[in-house]
């Protein structure tokens, strides 16, 4: 019987080795390749197309979510399970909209990874049981939960318009440290890492034109 082939894409070598050891104990399942970043993954796929890719989000060169989109565009038959330490709503949203077949967390027990592989192998989706019900509701296509408070939305809008911290403080009549705290919380909640990503998010949500 032809083995079910899996590629591991994660920038931590020791982590990949640990996952490989676990996977290769499963019956008729084989790790056919490893990649340390998104670009390496795409290079491997040119010569070896697996059944499943287990993909980290935070990788250099080509981020996991960007690699996900490329994989689904070029190799739509390949299943992808996101395995990450970041379980916030925005990452779940991006993964689901990008076509991910599963989403599990690195803090989950090994049993979650095995369940995910088995589910996806049977053409089912699998989401970590430790994700909140609101995230899972969103993943199922139900109403998207509110993430930001009203004040955070106001700060987000000001940031996206290019206002500096002092200007936002004056505009919203809040202290500079409070603005900084709101900015940090916004980036954390949305899973964003730069002002460019924040502006794109604000545009997509209609906070700015």
N, C-alpha and C. Protein backbone atom coordinates (compact mmCIF):
# COMPACT_ATOMS: atom_id res chain seq x y z
N UNK A 1 0.85 -1.19 0.00
CA UNK A 1 0.00 0.00 0.00
C UNK A 1 0.89 1.25 0.00
N UNK A 2 0.56 2.20 -0.87
CA UNK A 2 1.34 3.43 -0.96
C UNK A 2 1.21 4.24 0.33
N UNK A 3 2.32 4.65 0.95
CA UNK A 3 2.22 5.41 2.21
C UNK A 3 1.64 6.81 2.00
N UNK A 4 0.99 7.31 3.01
CA UNK A 4 0.45 8.67 3.02
C UNK A 4 1.61 9.60 3.33
N UNK A 5 1.93 10.50 2.38
CA UNK A 5 3.15 11.30 2.49
C UNK A 5 2.88 12.68 3.10
N UNK A 6 3.76 13.07 4.02
CA UNK A 6 3.62 14.34 4.73
C UNK A 6 4.92 15.12 4.63
N UNK A 7 4.81 16.43 4.39
CA UNK A 7 5.96 17.33 4.45
C UNK A 7 5.80 18.22 5.69
N UNK A 8 6.88 18.38 6.44
CA UNK A 8 6.89 19.24 7.63
C UNK A 8 7.55 20.57 7.27
N UNK A 9 6.88 21.67 7.56
CA UNK A 9 7.44 23.00 7.28
C UNK A 9 7.44 23.81 8.57
N UNK A 10 8.61 23.95 9.15
CA UNK A 10 8.78 24.67 10.41
C UNK A 10 10.24 25.09 10.49
N UNK A 11 10.52 26.29 11.02
CA UNK A 11 11.89 26.77 11.01
C UNK A 11 12.72 26.26 12.19
N UNK A 12 12.15 25.43 13.04
CA UNK A 12 12.90 24.87 14.16
C UNK A 12 13.22 23.39 13.88
N UNK A 13 14.49 23.10 13.70
CA UNK A 13 14.93 21.76 13.30
C UNK A 13 14.56 20.72 14.35
N UNK A 14 14.81 21.01 15.62
CA UNK A 14 14.54 20.04 16.67
C UNK A 14 13.05 19.74 16.77
N UNK A 15 12.22 20.77 16.54
CA UNK A 15 10.78 20.56 16.57
C UNK A 15 10.35 19.64 15.43
N UNK A 16 10.89 19.88 14.23
CA UNK A 16 10.57 19.02 13.10
C UNK A 16 10.98 17.58 13.36
N UNK A 17 12.15 17.40 13.96
CA UNK A 17 12.62 16.04 14.24
C UNK A 17 11.70 15.33 15.22
N UNK A 18 11.22 16.08 16.22
CA UNK A 18 10.29 15.50 17.19
C UNK A 18 8.98 15.09 16.54
N UNK A 19 8.43 15.95 15.68
CA UNK A 19 7.19 15.64 14.98
C UNK A 19 7.38 14.46 14.03
N UNK A 20 8.54 14.45 13.34
CA UNK A 20 8.83 13.31 12.44
C UNK A 20 8.82 11.99 13.21
N UNK A 21 9.46 11.96 14.37
CA UNK A 21 9.51 10.73 15.17
C UNK A 21 8.13 10.25 15.56
N UNK A 22 7.24 11.21 15.84
CA UNK A 22 5.86 10.85 16.22
C UNK A 22 5.10 10.32 15.02
N UNK A 23 5.19 11.03 13.90
CA UNK A 23 4.42 10.67 12.71
C UNK A 23 4.84 9.32 12.16
N UNK A 24 6.13 9.04 12.15
CA UNK A 24 6.60 7.83 11.51
C UNK A 24 6.32 6.57 12.33
N UNK A 25 5.75 6.74 13.51
CA UNK A 25 5.28 5.59 14.28
C UNK A 25 3.85 5.21 13.89
N UNK A 26 3.19 6.09 13.10
CA UNK A 26 1.83 5.82 12.66
C UNK A 26 1.86 4.88 11.46
N UNK A 27 0.88 4.04 11.36
CA UNK A 27 0.84 3.03 10.30
C UNK A 27 0.65 3.66 8.92
N UNK A 28 1.49 3.26 7.98
CA UNK A 28 1.40 3.65 6.57
C UNK A 28 1.44 5.16 6.34
N UNK A 29 2.18 5.86 7.20
CA UNK A 29 2.36 7.31 7.05
C UNK A 29 3.86 7.60 7.05
N UNK A 30 4.28 8.49 6.15
CA UNK A 30 5.71 8.73 5.96
C UNK A 30 5.98 10.23 5.82
N UNK A 31 7.02 10.70 6.48
CA UNK A 31 7.48 12.08 6.29
C UNK A 31 8.39 12.08 5.07
N UNK A 32 7.93 12.70 3.99
CA UNK A 32 8.66 12.65 2.72
C UNK A 32 9.58 13.85 2.51
N UNK A 33 9.50 14.86 3.41
CA UNK A 33 10.36 16.02 3.26
C UNK A 33 10.21 16.99 4.41
N UNK A 34 11.20 17.87 4.54
CA UNK A 34 11.17 18.91 5.57
C UNK A 34 11.63 20.23 4.97
N UNK A 35 11.00 21.32 5.44
CA UNK A 35 11.37 22.66 4.98
C UNK A 35 11.50 23.59 6.18
N UNK A 36 12.50 24.48 6.11
CA UNK A 36 12.73 25.42 7.19
C UNK A 36 12.06 26.76 6.98
N UNK A 37 11.50 26.99 5.78
CA UNK A 37 10.77 28.22 5.51
C UNK A 37 9.86 28.00 4.30
N UNK A 38 9.05 29.00 3.99
CA UNK A 38 8.08 28.86 2.92
C UNK A 38 8.70 28.67 1.55
N UNK A 39 9.82 29.34 1.29
CA UNK A 39 10.47 29.21 0.00
C UNK A 39 11.04 27.80 -0.20
N UNK A 40 11.63 27.25 0.85
CA UNK A 40 12.12 25.87 0.77
C UNK A 40 10.97 24.92 0.49
N UNK A 41 9.84 25.16 1.13
CA UNK A 41 8.67 24.32 0.92
C UNK A 41 8.25 24.33 -0.55
N UNK A 42 8.16 25.52 -1.13
CA UNK A 42 7.73 25.62 -2.53
C UNK A 42 8.73 24.95 -3.46
N UNK A 43 10.01 25.01 -3.13
CA UNK A 43 11.03 24.33 -3.94
C UNK A 43 10.86 22.81 -3.87
N UNK A 44 10.59 22.29 -2.67
CA UNK A 44 10.39 20.85 -2.51
C UNK A 44 9.19 20.38 -3.32
N UNK A 45 8.14 21.18 -3.33
CA UNK A 45 6.91 20.79 -4.02
C UNK A 45 7.09 20.69 -5.54
N UNK A 46 8.11 21.32 -6.07
CA UNK A 46 8.37 21.23 -7.51
C UNK A 46 8.75 19.82 -7.93
N UNK A 47 9.30 19.05 -7.00
CA UNK A 47 9.76 17.69 -7.34
C UNK A 47 9.08 16.60 -6.52
N UNK A 48 8.43 16.98 -5.41
CA UNK A 48 7.81 15.98 -4.56
C UNK A 48 6.53 16.54 -3.94
N UNK A 49 5.38 16.12 -4.47
CA UNK A 49 4.09 16.62 -3.99
C UNK A 49 3.51 15.61 -2.99
N UNK A 50 3.29 16.02 -1.75
CA UNK A 50 2.80 15.11 -0.72
C UNK A 50 1.27 15.05 -0.69
N UNK A 51 0.76 14.27 0.24
CA UNK A 51 -0.69 14.26 0.49
C UNK A 51 -1.06 15.36 1.48
N UNK A 52 -0.14 15.66 2.40
CA UNK A 52 -0.42 16.61 3.47
C UNK A 52 0.82 17.41 3.81
N UNK A 53 0.63 18.70 4.11
CA UNK A 53 1.70 19.55 4.63
C UNK A 53 1.30 20.01 6.02
N UNK A 54 2.20 19.83 6.97
CA UNK A 54 2.00 20.37 8.31
C UNK A 54 2.84 21.64 8.37
N UNK A 55 2.16 22.77 8.54
CA UNK A 55 2.76 24.07 8.24
C UNK A 55 2.71 25.03 9.43
N UNK A 56 3.86 25.58 9.78
CA UNK A 56 3.93 26.60 10.82
C UNK A 56 3.56 27.96 10.22
N UNK A 57 3.10 28.88 11.05
CA UNK A 57 2.76 30.22 10.58
C UNK A 57 3.99 31.13 10.56
N UNK A 58 4.73 31.14 11.66
CA UNK A 58 5.85 32.08 11.80
C UNK A 58 7.13 31.48 11.25
N UNK A 59 7.38 31.72 9.95
CA UNK A 59 8.61 31.24 9.32
C UNK A 59 9.24 32.38 8.52
N UNK A 60 10.56 32.35 8.36
CA UNK A 60 11.23 33.39 7.56
C UNK A 60 11.01 33.18 6.06
N UNK A 61 11.48 34.15 5.27
CA UNK A 61 11.44 34.09 3.81
C UNK A 61 10.03 34.21 3.25
N UNK A 62 9.22 33.19 3.47
CA UNK A 62 7.82 33.21 3.02
C UNK A 62 6.99 32.70 4.18
N UNK A 63 6.16 33.57 4.76
CA UNK A 63 5.40 33.20 5.95
C UNK A 63 4.44 32.06 5.65
N UNK A 64 4.07 31.36 6.73
CA UNK A 64 3.22 30.19 6.58
C UNK A 64 1.89 30.46 5.89
N UNK A 65 1.22 31.54 6.25
CA UNK A 65 -0.07 31.84 5.66
C UNK A 65 0.06 32.21 4.18
N UNK A 66 1.16 32.84 3.82
CA UNK A 66 1.41 33.14 2.41
C UNK A 66 1.73 31.86 1.65
N UNK A 67 2.50 30.98 2.29
CA UNK A 67 2.81 29.68 1.68
C UNK A 67 1.54 28.86 1.50
N UNK A 68 0.64 28.94 2.47
CA UNK A 68 -0.64 28.24 2.37
C UNK A 68 -1.38 28.64 1.10
N UNK A 69 -1.46 29.93 0.83
CA UNK A 69 -2.16 30.41 -0.36
C UNK A 69 -1.50 29.91 -1.64
N UNK A 70 -0.17 29.91 -1.65
CA UNK A 70 0.55 29.43 -2.83
C UNK A 70 0.33 27.94 -3.05
N UNK A 71 0.36 27.18 -1.97
CA UNK A 71 0.15 25.73 -2.08
C UNK A 71 -1.24 25.44 -2.63
N UNK A 72 -2.25 26.10 -2.06
CA UNK A 72 -3.63 25.84 -2.48
C UNK A 72 -3.88 26.29 -3.93
N UNK A 73 -3.15 27.30 -4.37
CA UNK A 73 -3.30 27.78 -5.74
C UNK A 73 -2.64 26.83 -6.73
N UNK A 74 -1.43 26.34 -6.38
CA UNK A 74 -0.68 25.51 -7.32
C UNK A 74 -0.98 24.02 -7.18
N UNK A 75 -1.28 23.59 -5.94
CA UNK A 75 -1.51 22.16 -5.68
C UNK A 75 -2.80 22.00 -4.85
N UNK A 76 -3.95 22.27 -5.44
CA UNK A 76 -5.21 22.27 -4.68
C UNK A 76 -5.56 20.93 -4.05
N UNK A 77 -4.97 19.85 -4.56
CA UNK A 77 -5.27 18.53 -4.00
C UNK A 77 -4.53 18.27 -2.70
N UNK A 78 -3.51 19.06 -2.40
CA UNK A 78 -2.70 18.85 -1.20
C UNK A 78 -3.41 19.43 0.03
N UNK A 79 -3.51 18.62 1.06
CA UNK A 79 -4.11 19.08 2.31
C UNK A 79 -3.07 19.84 3.13
N UNK A 80 -3.53 20.81 3.93
CA UNK A 80 -2.62 21.60 4.76
C UNK A 80 -3.21 21.74 6.17
N UNK A 81 -2.42 21.35 7.15
CA UNK A 81 -2.78 21.55 8.56
C UNK A 81 -1.82 22.58 9.15
N UNK A 82 -2.36 23.65 9.70
CA UNK A 82 -1.54 24.66 10.37
C UNK A 82 -1.22 24.17 11.78
N UNK A 83 0.06 24.18 12.12
CA UNK A 83 0.52 23.82 13.47
C UNK A 83 1.33 25.00 13.99
N UNK A 84 0.78 25.73 14.96
CA UNK A 84 1.37 27.00 15.35
C UNK A 84 1.24 27.25 16.84
N UNK A 85 2.02 28.20 17.34
CA UNK A 85 1.87 28.62 18.73
C UNK A 85 0.90 29.79 18.84
N UNK A 86 0.43 30.31 17.70
CA UNK A 86 -0.45 31.48 17.68
C UNK A 86 -1.89 31.06 17.40
N UNK A 87 -2.74 31.16 18.42
CA UNK A 87 -4.12 30.71 18.27
C UNK A 87 -5.13 31.83 18.28
N UNK A 88 -4.72 33.05 17.89
CA UNK A 88 -5.69 34.14 17.96
C UNK A 88 -6.64 34.11 16.77
N UNK A 89 -7.73 34.85 16.90
CA UNK A 89 -8.82 34.83 15.93
C UNK A 89 -8.37 35.18 14.53
N UNK A 90 -7.52 36.17 14.39
CA UNK A 90 -7.14 36.63 13.07
C UNK A 90 -6.36 35.57 12.31
N UNK A 91 -5.49 34.84 13.00
CA UNK A 91 -4.76 33.78 12.33
C UNK A 91 -5.70 32.65 11.92
N UNK A 92 -6.67 32.33 12.78
CA UNK A 92 -7.66 31.32 12.40
C UNK A 92 -8.43 31.78 11.17
N UNK A 93 -8.83 33.05 11.17
CA UNK A 93 -9.58 33.61 10.04
C UNK A 93 -8.78 33.50 8.74
N UNK A 94 -7.51 33.91 8.80
CA UNK A 94 -6.67 33.89 7.60
C UNK A 94 -6.42 32.46 7.13
N UNK A 95 -6.23 31.55 8.09
CA UNK A 95 -5.97 30.16 7.72
C UNK A 95 -7.19 29.54 7.04
N UNK A 96 -8.38 29.78 7.62
CA UNK A 96 -9.60 29.20 7.04
C UNK A 96 -9.87 29.80 5.67
N UNK A 97 -9.75 31.11 5.55
CA UNK A 97 -10.01 31.76 4.26
C UNK A 97 -8.96 31.36 3.22
N UNK A 98 -7.77 30.98 3.68
CA UNK A 98 -6.72 30.54 2.78
C UNK A 98 -6.83 29.10 2.36
N UNK A 99 -7.79 28.37 2.95
CA UNK A 99 -8.03 26.99 2.54
C UNK A 99 -7.44 25.93 3.43
N UNK A 100 -7.00 26.28 4.65
CA UNK A 100 -6.42 25.28 5.55
C UNK A 100 -7.44 24.19 5.87
N UNK A 101 -6.95 22.97 5.95
CA UNK A 101 -7.81 21.83 6.27
C UNK A 101 -7.81 21.52 7.76
N UNK A 102 -6.91 22.16 8.49
CA UNK A 102 -6.86 21.95 9.93
C UNK A 102 -6.06 23.05 10.60
N UNK A 103 -6.27 23.20 11.90
CA UNK A 103 -5.56 24.23 12.66
C UNK A 103 -5.40 23.71 14.08
N UNK A 104 -4.15 23.44 14.47
CA UNK A 104 -3.87 22.98 15.83
C UNK A 104 -2.73 23.80 16.42
N UNK A 105 -2.60 23.72 17.74
CA UNK A 105 -1.64 24.54 18.46
C UNK A 105 -0.47 23.70 18.97
N UNK A 106 0.70 24.31 19.04
CA UNK A 106 1.88 23.60 19.52
C UNK A 106 1.77 23.25 21.00
N UNK A 107 0.90 23.95 21.70
CA UNK A 107 0.71 23.64 23.12
C UNK A 107 -0.25 22.47 23.32
N UNK A 108 -0.90 22.02 22.26
CA UNK A 108 -1.83 20.89 22.35
C UNK A 108 -1.09 19.59 22.64
N UNK A 109 -1.78 18.60 23.19
CA UNK A 109 -1.16 17.28 23.34
C UNK A 109 -0.92 16.63 21.99
N UNK A 110 -0.02 15.66 21.95
CA UNK A 110 0.30 14.96 20.71
C UNK A 110 -0.95 14.33 20.09
N UNK A 111 -1.88 13.93 20.93
CA UNK A 111 -3.10 13.29 20.43
C UNK A 111 -3.85 14.19 19.46
N UNK A 112 -3.75 15.53 19.63
CA UNK A 112 -4.43 16.45 18.73
C UNK A 112 -3.82 16.39 17.33
N UNK A 113 -2.51 16.30 17.28
CA UNK A 113 -1.83 16.19 15.98
C UNK A 113 -2.23 14.90 15.27
N UNK A 114 -2.25 13.82 16.01
CA UNK A 114 -2.62 12.53 15.41
C UNK A 114 -4.06 12.55 14.92
N UNK A 115 -4.96 13.14 15.72
CA UNK A 115 -6.36 13.25 15.30
C UNK A 115 -6.50 14.10 14.04
N UNK A 116 -5.70 15.17 13.99
CA UNK A 116 -5.75 16.06 12.81
C UNK A 116 -5.31 15.31 11.56
N UNK A 117 -4.22 14.57 11.65
CA UNK A 117 -3.72 13.82 10.50
C UNK A 117 -4.76 12.80 10.04
N UNK A 118 -5.32 12.08 11.01
CA UNK A 118 -6.30 11.05 10.66
C UNK A 118 -7.56 11.65 10.04
N UNK A 119 -8.00 12.79 10.57
CA UNK A 119 -9.20 13.44 10.04
C UNK A 119 -8.98 13.94 8.62
N UNK A 120 -7.86 14.62 8.41
CA UNK A 120 -7.57 15.19 7.10
C UNK A 120 -7.32 14.07 6.07
N UNK A 121 -6.74 12.99 6.52
CA UNK A 121 -6.53 11.85 5.63
C UNK A 121 -7.85 11.32 5.09
N UNK A 122 -8.91 11.46 5.88
CA UNK A 122 -10.25 11.03 5.48
C UNK A 122 -11.05 12.16 4.82
N UNK A 123 -10.33 13.24 4.46
CA UNK A 123 -10.92 14.41 3.78
C UNK A 123 -11.87 15.20 4.67
N UNK A 124 -11.61 15.17 5.97
CA UNK A 124 -12.36 15.99 6.92
C UNK A 124 -11.48 17.14 7.40
N UNK A 125 -12.08 18.19 7.96
CA UNK A 125 -11.32 19.26 8.59
C UNK A 125 -11.13 18.93 10.07
N UNK A 126 -10.09 19.53 10.65
CA UNK A 126 -9.87 19.33 12.09
C UNK A 126 -9.34 20.61 12.71
N UNK A 127 -10.01 21.04 13.79
CA UNK A 127 -9.57 22.22 14.53
C UNK A 127 -9.33 21.84 15.99
N UNK A 128 -8.26 22.40 16.55
CA UNK A 128 -7.87 22.10 17.92
C UNK A 128 -9.03 22.23 18.88
N UNK A 129 -9.17 21.26 19.76
CA UNK A 129 -10.24 21.31 20.76
C UNK A 129 -9.99 22.38 21.80
N UNK A 130 -8.76 22.93 21.83
CA UNK A 130 -8.46 23.98 22.80
C UNK A 130 -8.80 25.37 22.29
N UNK A 131 -9.14 25.49 21.00
CA UNK A 131 -9.58 26.79 20.50
C UNK A 131 -10.94 27.11 21.08
N UNK A 132 -11.18 28.39 21.33
CA UNK A 132 -12.46 28.79 21.91
C UNK A 132 -13.60 28.51 20.95
N UNK A 133 -14.80 28.33 21.49
CA UNK A 133 -15.97 28.04 20.67
C UNK A 133 -16.25 29.17 19.69
N UNK A 134 -15.93 30.41 20.07
CA UNK A 134 -16.17 31.52 19.15
C UNK A 134 -15.30 31.39 17.91
N UNK A 135 -14.04 30.94 18.09
CA UNK A 135 -13.15 30.74 16.96
C UNK A 135 -13.69 29.62 16.07
N UNK A 136 -14.14 28.54 16.70
CA UNK A 136 -14.64 27.41 15.93
C UNK A 136 -15.92 27.78 15.20
N UNK A 137 -16.75 28.61 15.81
CA UNK A 137 -17.96 29.08 15.14
C UNK A 137 -17.60 29.85 13.89
N UNK A 138 -16.59 30.69 14.02
CA UNK A 138 -16.14 31.45 12.85
C UNK A 138 -15.60 30.52 11.78
N UNK A 139 -14.81 29.54 12.20
CA UNK A 139 -14.22 28.60 11.25
C UNK A 139 -15.29 27.82 10.50
N UNK A 140 -16.43 27.61 11.14
CA UNK A 140 -17.53 26.91 10.49
C UNK A 140 -18.35 27.83 9.60
N UNK A 141 -17.94 29.10 9.51
CA UNK A 141 -18.63 30.02 8.63
C UNK A 141 -19.77 30.76 9.30
N UNK A 142 -19.84 30.69 10.62
CA UNK A 142 -20.88 31.39 11.34
C UNK A 142 -20.46 32.83 11.60
N UNK A 143 -21.24 33.57 12.32
CA UNK A 143 -20.98 35.00 12.52
C UNK A 143 -19.62 35.22 13.16
N UNK A 144 -18.86 36.17 12.63
CA UNK A 144 -17.52 36.49 13.14
C UNK A 144 -17.64 37.26 14.45
N UNK A 145 -16.96 36.80 15.51
CA UNK A 145 -17.06 37.49 16.78
C UNK A 145 -16.31 38.81 16.78
N UNK A 146 -16.78 39.73 17.62
CA UNK A 146 -16.07 40.99 17.80
C UNK A 146 -14.78 40.73 18.57
N UNK A 147 -13.71 41.33 18.13
CA UNK A 147 -12.42 41.12 18.78
C UNK A 147 -11.96 42.38 19.49
N UNK A 148 -12.08 43.53 18.83
CA UNK A 148 -11.60 44.80 19.39
C UNK A 148 -12.70 45.51 20.15
N UNK A 149 -12.30 46.21 21.20
CA UNK A 149 -13.24 47.07 21.91
C UNK A 149 -13.48 48.32 21.07
N UNK A 150 -14.50 49.09 21.43
CA UNK A 150 -14.79 50.33 20.69
C UNK A 150 -13.61 51.29 20.72
N UNK A 151 -12.95 51.40 21.88
CA UNK A 151 -11.80 52.29 22.00
C UNK A 151 -10.65 51.80 21.13
N UNK A 152 -10.43 50.48 21.10
CA UNK A 152 -9.36 49.93 20.26
C UNK A 152 -9.65 50.19 18.79
N UNK A 153 -10.91 50.14 18.41
CA UNK A 153 -11.27 50.45 17.01
C UNK A 153 -10.95 51.90 16.68
N UNK A 154 -11.20 52.80 17.63
CA UNK A 154 -10.89 54.22 17.42
C UNK A 154 -9.38 54.42 17.25
N UNK A 155 -8.61 53.75 18.10
CA UNK A 155 -7.14 53.86 18.01
C UNK A 155 -6.66 53.24 16.71
N UNK A 156 -7.23 52.11 16.34
CA UNK A 156 -6.88 51.45 15.08
C UNK A 156 -7.09 52.39 13.90
N UNK A 157 -8.22 53.06 13.88
CA UNK A 157 -8.53 53.98 12.79
C UNK A 157 -7.51 55.12 12.73
N UNK A 158 -7.18 55.68 13.89
CA UNK A 158 -6.21 56.78 13.93
C UNK A 158 -4.83 56.30 13.46
N UNK A 159 -4.42 55.12 13.90
CA UNK A 159 -3.13 54.56 13.49
C UNK A 159 -3.09 54.36 11.98
N UNK A 160 -4.18 53.79 11.46
CA UNK A 160 -4.24 53.51 10.02
C UNK A 160 -4.23 54.79 9.19
N UNK A 161 -4.68 55.88 9.78
CA UNK A 161 -4.67 57.17 9.09
C UNK A 161 -3.31 57.86 9.18
N UNK A 162 -2.38 57.22 9.88
CA UNK A 162 -1.02 57.75 9.95
C UNK A 162 -0.76 58.69 11.11
N UNK A 163 -1.68 58.76 12.06
CA UNK A 163 -1.48 59.65 13.20
C UNK A 163 -0.45 59.05 14.16
N UNK A 164 0.41 59.90 14.73
CA UNK A 164 1.38 59.41 15.70
C UNK A 164 0.73 59.29 17.08
N UNK A 165 1.50 58.75 18.02
CA UNK A 165 0.96 58.46 19.35
C UNK A 165 0.45 59.73 20.03
N UNK A 166 1.22 60.81 19.94
CA UNK A 166 0.82 62.07 20.59
C UNK A 166 -0.47 62.61 19.98
N UNK A 167 -0.57 62.56 18.66
CA UNK A 167 -1.76 63.04 17.98
C UNK A 167 -3.00 62.24 18.40
N UNK A 168 -2.85 60.92 18.49
CA UNK A 168 -3.97 60.07 18.91
C UNK A 168 -4.37 60.39 20.34
N UNK A 169 -3.36 60.61 21.18
CA UNK A 169 -3.62 60.97 22.57
C UNK A 169 -4.46 62.24 22.66
N UNK A 170 -4.10 63.24 21.88
CA UNK A 170 -4.85 64.50 21.88
C UNK A 170 -6.24 64.34 21.29
N UNK A 171 -6.34 63.56 20.22
CA UNK A 171 -7.62 63.39 19.53
C UNK A 171 -8.63 62.67 20.39
N UNK A 172 -8.18 61.62 21.07
CA UNK A 172 -9.11 60.77 21.84
C UNK A 172 -9.14 61.12 23.33
N UNK A 173 -8.34 62.12 23.73
CA UNK A 173 -8.31 62.57 25.13
C UNK A 173 -7.93 61.44 26.09
N UNK A 174 -6.89 60.69 25.68
CA UNK A 174 -6.35 59.64 26.54
C UNK A 174 -4.84 59.83 26.60
N UNK A 175 -4.21 59.22 27.61
CA UNK A 175 -2.78 59.43 27.80
C UNK A 175 -1.95 58.69 26.76
N UNK A 176 -0.71 59.13 26.58
CA UNK A 176 0.20 58.48 25.64
C UNK A 176 0.43 57.01 26.01
N UNK A 177 0.69 56.68 27.30
CA UNK A 177 0.85 55.26 27.65
C UNK A 177 -0.39 54.43 27.33
N UNK A 178 -1.57 55.02 27.47
CA UNK A 178 -2.80 54.30 27.16
C UNK A 178 -2.89 54.01 25.67
N UNK A 179 -2.48 54.97 24.85
CA UNK A 179 -2.47 54.75 23.40
C UNK A 179 -1.51 53.61 23.05
N UNK A 180 -0.33 53.64 23.67
CA UNK A 180 0.65 52.58 23.39
C UNK A 180 0.10 51.22 23.79
N UNK A 181 -0.58 51.15 24.93
CA UNK A 181 -1.16 49.89 25.39
C UNK A 181 -2.23 49.40 24.41
N UNK A 182 -3.08 50.32 23.94
CA UNK A 182 -4.11 49.94 22.97
C UNK A 182 -3.48 49.44 21.67
N UNK A 183 -2.41 50.13 21.23
CA UNK A 183 -1.74 49.71 20.00
C UNK A 183 -1.19 48.30 20.13
N UNK A 184 -0.55 48.02 21.26
CA UNK A 184 -0.01 46.68 21.51
C UNK A 184 -1.13 45.63 21.51
N UNK A 185 -2.23 45.93 22.21
CA UNK A 185 -3.34 44.99 22.30
C UNK A 185 -3.96 44.72 20.93
N UNK A 186 -4.07 45.77 20.13
CA UNK A 186 -4.64 45.61 18.78
C UNK A 186 -3.80 44.66 17.95
N UNK A 187 -2.49 44.87 17.93
CA UNK A 187 -1.61 44.03 17.13
C UNK A 187 -1.63 42.58 17.62
N UNK A 188 -1.68 42.41 18.95
CA UNK A 188 -1.72 41.06 19.51
C UNK A 188 -3.02 40.35 19.17
N UNK A 189 -4.14 41.04 19.36
CA UNK A 189 -5.45 40.43 19.09
C UNK A 189 -5.63 40.04 17.63
N UNK A 190 -5.12 40.88 16.74
CA UNK A 190 -5.32 40.65 15.32
C UNK A 190 -4.22 39.80 14.70
N UNK A 191 -3.17 39.51 15.47
CA UNK A 191 -2.08 38.71 14.94
C UNK A 191 -1.27 39.43 13.88
N UNK A 192 -1.15 40.75 14.03
CA UNK A 192 -0.41 41.56 13.06
C UNK A 192 0.94 41.94 13.63
N UNK A 193 1.90 42.21 12.74
CA UNK A 193 3.25 42.51 13.22
C UNK A 193 3.82 43.81 12.67
N UNK A 194 3.06 44.51 11.84
CA UNK A 194 3.58 45.74 11.24
C UNK A 194 2.46 46.71 10.94
N UNK A 195 2.81 47.99 10.74
CA UNK A 195 1.83 49.00 10.40
C UNK A 195 1.23 48.72 9.02
N UNK A 196 2.02 48.15 8.12
CA UNK A 196 1.50 47.82 6.79
C UNK A 196 0.35 46.83 6.89
N UNK A 197 0.54 45.80 7.71
CA UNK A 197 -0.52 44.81 7.90
C UNK A 197 -1.73 45.44 8.59
N UNK A 198 -1.48 46.34 9.53
CA UNK A 198 -2.57 47.01 10.22
C UNK A 198 -3.40 47.86 9.26
N UNK A 199 -2.73 48.57 8.37
CA UNK A 199 -3.43 49.41 7.39
C UNK A 199 -4.26 48.54 6.45
N UNK A 200 -3.70 47.41 6.02
CA UNK A 200 -4.46 46.50 5.15
C UNK A 200 -5.70 45.99 5.86
N UNK A 201 -5.55 45.67 7.14
CA UNK A 201 -6.70 45.19 7.92
C UNK A 201 -7.76 46.29 8.02
N UNK A 202 -7.32 47.51 8.33
CA UNK A 202 -8.25 48.64 8.47
C UNK A 202 -9.00 48.89 7.16
N UNK A 203 -8.31 48.75 6.04
CA UNK A 203 -8.96 48.92 4.74
C UNK A 203 -10.00 47.83 4.49
N UNK A 204 -9.63 46.58 4.84
CA UNK A 204 -10.53 45.45 4.58
C UNK A 204 -11.78 45.54 5.43
N UNK A 205 -11.68 46.18 6.59
CA UNK A 205 -12.84 46.30 7.50
C UNK A 205 -13.58 47.61 7.32
N UNK A 206 -13.10 48.48 6.45
CA UNK A 206 -13.79 49.73 6.19
C UNK A 206 -13.53 50.83 7.21
N UNK A 207 -12.48 50.68 8.04
CA UNK A 207 -12.16 51.73 9.00
C UNK A 207 -11.60 52.96 8.32
N UNK A 208 -10.92 52.75 7.19
CA UNK A 208 -10.41 53.86 6.38
C UNK A 208 -10.70 53.55 4.92
N UNK A 209 -10.64 54.53 4.07
CA UNK A 209 -10.88 54.36 2.64
C UNK A 209 -9.56 54.48 1.88
